[in-house]
C-alpha atoms as a PDB file:
ATOM      1  CA  MET A   1     105.243  95.233 109.708  1.00  0.00           C
ATOM      2  CA  SER A   2     102.741  96.602 107.562  1.00  0.00           C
ATOM      3  CA  LYS A   3     100.286  94.052 106.643  1.00  0.00           C
ATOM      4  CA  HIS A   4      98.847  92.358 103.617  1.00  0.00           C
ATOM      5  CA  THR A   5      96.722  94.056 100.693  1.00  0.00           C
ATOM      6  CA  PRO A   6      93.366  92.431 101.084  1.00  0.00           C
ATOM      7  CA  GLY A   7      91.886  90.317  98.883  1.00  0.00           C
ATOM      8  CA  PRO A   8      89.725  89.585  97.032  1.00  0.00           C
ATOM      9  CA  TRP A   9      92.702  89.390  94.551  1.00  0.00           C
ATOM     10  CA  ASP A  10      92.568  88.842  91.076  1.00  0.00           C
ATOM     11  CA  ARG A  11      95.242  88.262  87.419  1.00  0.00           C
ATOM     12  CA  ARG A  12      95.028  90.224  84.597  1.00  0.00           C
ATOM     13  CA  TYR A  13      96.389  89.258  81.556  1.00  0.00           C
ATOM     14  CA  PHE A  14      99.023  92.038  80.586  1.00  0.00           C
ATOM     15  CA  ASP A  15     100.399  90.784  77.460  1.00  0.00           C
ATOM     16  CA  ASP A  16     101.722  86.904  76.458  1.00  0.00           C
ATOM     17  CA  ALA A  17     104.817  87.285  79.146  1.00  0.00           C
ATOM     18  CA  LYS A  18     103.019  88.214  81.977  1.00  0.00           C
ATOM     19  CA  VAL A  19     100.663  87.571  84.379  1.00  0.00           C
ATOM     20  CA  ILE A  20      99.841  90.933  86.945  1.00  0.00           C
ATOM     21  CA  VAL A  21      98.229  90.474  89.946  1.00  0.00           C
ATOM     22  CA  VAL A  22      96.024  93.305  91.436  1.00  0.00           C
ATOM     23  CA  GLY A  23      94.118  94.069  94.931  1.00  0.00           C
ATOM     24  CA  PRO A  24      91.129  94.839  95.157  1.00  0.00           C
ATOM     25  CA  LYS A  25      89.450  98.373  93.955  1.00  0.00           C
ATOM     26  CA  LYS A  26      89.610 101.068  96.255  1.00  0.00           C
ATOM     27  CA  GLY A  27      86.827 103.022  97.150  1.00  0.00           C
ATOM     28  CA  GLN A  28      84.761 103.417  94.038  1.00  0.00           C
ATOM     29  CA  GLY A  29      87.532 104.613  91.552  1.00  0.00           C
ATOM     30  CA  THR A  30      89.078 101.984  88.965  1.00  0.00           C
ATOM     31  CA  LYS A  31      92.896 102.186  90.611  1.00  0.00           C
ATOM     32  CA  ARG A  32      93.741  98.881  91.525  1.00  0.00           C
ATOM     33  CA  THR A  33      96.897  97.603  93.640  1.00  0.00           C
ATOM     34  CA  LEU A  34      99.051  95.430  92.264  1.00  0.00           C
ATOM     35  CA  VAL A  35     100.258  92.699  93.969  1.00  0.00           C
ATOM     36  CA  ALA A  36     102.820  90.627  91.434  1.00  0.00           C
ATOM     37  CA  THR A  37     103.960  90.553  88.178  1.00  0.00           C
ATOM     38  CA  LEU A  38     105.025  87.335  86.705  1.00  0.00           C
ATOM     39  CA  THR A  39     106.843  86.685  84.155  1.00  0.00           C
ATOM     40  CA  GLY A  40     108.677  82.893  82.805  1.00  0.00           C
ATOM     41  CA  PRO A  41     107.047  79.718  82.312  1.00  0.00           C
ATOM     42  CA  GLU A  42     105.382  79.488  85.432  1.00  0.00           C
ATOM     43  CA  ARG A  43     103.620  82.544  85.439  1.00  0.00           C
ATOM     44  CA  GLU A  44     100.010  81.305  85.238  1.00  0.00           C
ATOM     45  CA  ALA A  45     100.250  78.527  87.756  1.00  0.00           C
ATOM     46  CA  ASN A  46     102.151  81.013  90.359  1.00  0.00           C
ATOM     47  CA  GLY A  47      99.318  83.301  89.650  1.00  0.00           C
ATOM     48  CA  ASN A  48      96.633  80.977  90.519  1.00  0.00           C
ATOM     49  CA  LEU A  49      98.359  80.405  94.061  1.00  0.00           C
ATOM     50  CA  LEU A  50      99.111  83.894  94.522  1.00  0.00           C
ATOM     51  CA  VAL A  51      95.309  84.977  94.289  1.00  0.00           C
ATOM     52  CA  ALA A  52      94.243  82.285  96.277  1.00  0.00           C
ATOM     53  CA  ALA A  53      96.471  82.946  99.070  1.00  0.00           C
ATOM     54  CA  PRO A  54      93.922  85.792 101.027  1.00  0.00           C
ATOM     55  CA  ASP A  55      91.336  83.221 100.721  1.00  0.00           C
ATOM     56  CA  LEU A  56      94.019  80.007 101.679  1.00  0.00           C
ATOM     57  CA  LEU A  57      95.207  81.960 104.917  1.00  0.00           C
ATOM     58  CA  ALA A  58      91.974  83.315 106.178  1.00  0.00           C
ATOM     59  CA  ALA A  59      90.515  79.764 105.634  1.00  0.00           C
ATOM     60  CA  LEU A  60      93.627  78.425 107.553  1.00  0.00           C
ATOM     61  CA  THR A  61      92.745  80.731 110.273  1.00  0.00           C
ATOM     62  CA  THR A  62      89.737  79.829 110.889  1.00  0.00           C
ATOM     63  CA  ALA A  63      90.223  75.909 111.238  1.00  0.00           C
ATOM     64  CA  ILE A  64      93.046  76.810 113.813  1.00  0.00           C
ATOM     65  CA  GLU A  65      90.607  78.606 115.450  1.00  0.00           C
ATOM     66  CA  VAL A  66      88.190  75.834 115.544  1.00  0.00           C
ATOM     67  CA  MET A  67      90.869  73.085 115.754  1.00  0.00           C
ATOM     68  CA  LYS A  68      93.172  74.409 118.822  1.00  0.00           C
ATOM     69  CA  ASP A  69      90.620  72.879 121.528  1.00  0.00           C
ATOM     70  CA  HIS A  70      89.797  69.738 120.301  1.00  0.00           C
ATOM     71  CA  TYR A  71      93.169  67.635 119.386  1.00  0.00           C
ATOM     72  CA  VAL A  72      94.363  64.807 121.518  1.00  0.00           C
ATOM     73  CA  ASP A  73      96.328  62.369 119.462  1.00  0.00           C
ATOM     74  CA  GLU A  74      99.852  63.546 118.585  1.00  0.00           C
ATOM     75  CA  ALA A  75      99.949  63.177 114.926  1.00  0.00           C
ATOM     76  CA  ILE A  76      97.139  65.569 114.738  1.00  0.00           C
ATOM     77  CA  ALA A  77      99.227  68.448 117.020  1.00  0.00           C
ATOM     78  CA  ALA A  78     102.153  67.973 114.425  1.00  0.00           C
ATOM     79  CA  GLU A  79     100.124  68.812 111.832  1.00  0.00           C
ATOM     80  CA  PHE A  80      98.076  71.672 113.842  1.00  0.00           C
ATOM     81  CA  GLU A  81     101.571  73.185 114.446  1.00  0.00           C
ATOM     82  CA  VAL A  82     102.325  72.879 110.809  1.00  0.00           C
ATOM     83  CA  PHE A  83      98.988  75.388 110.382  1.00  0.00           C
ATOM     84  CA  THR A  84     100.144  77.370 113.053  1.00  0.00           C
ATOM     85  CA  ASP A  85     103.543  77.764 111.231  1.00  0.00           C
ATOM     86  CA  ALA A  86     102.153  78.632 107.397  1.00  0.00           C
ATOM     87  CA  VAL A  87      99.805  81.051 109.205  1.00  0.00           C
ATOM     88  CA  ALA A  88     102.903  82.903 111.658  1.00  0.00           C
ATOM     89  CA  LYS A  89     104.812  82.738 108.010  1.00  0.00           C
ATOM     90  CA  ALA A  90     102.236  84.511 106.119  1.00  0.00           C
ATOM     91  CA  HIS A  91     102.570  87.082 108.918  1.00  0.00           C
ATOM     92  CA  GLY A  92     106.317  88.139 108.203  1.00  0.00           C
ATOM     93  CA  GLY A  93     107.386  85.163 111.482  1.00  0.00           C
ATOM     94  CA  GLU A  94     109.189  82.451 111.014  1.00  0.00           C
ATOM     95  CA  ALA A  95     108.419  78.954 110.819  1.00  0.00           C
END
């Protein structure tokens, strides 16, 4: 399995119909990695979510590490499983 394009990601408005999400510049050049091209009425909202994805994954991974040995309540344990399933899904696994 290949790895995702590292963040930070950014969005660019290509024209009135498209939003593209791009990864960081490689080296000193100006070439950026295309992550997604979005069209349709939800393009801006979907672009916002995609741009936040690397940061959300990193934050959730950190939260799991901090919390993994500190939950005792069943309700918290169930939520903790939702967190770990989401991270597994982001890495290409089944949730």
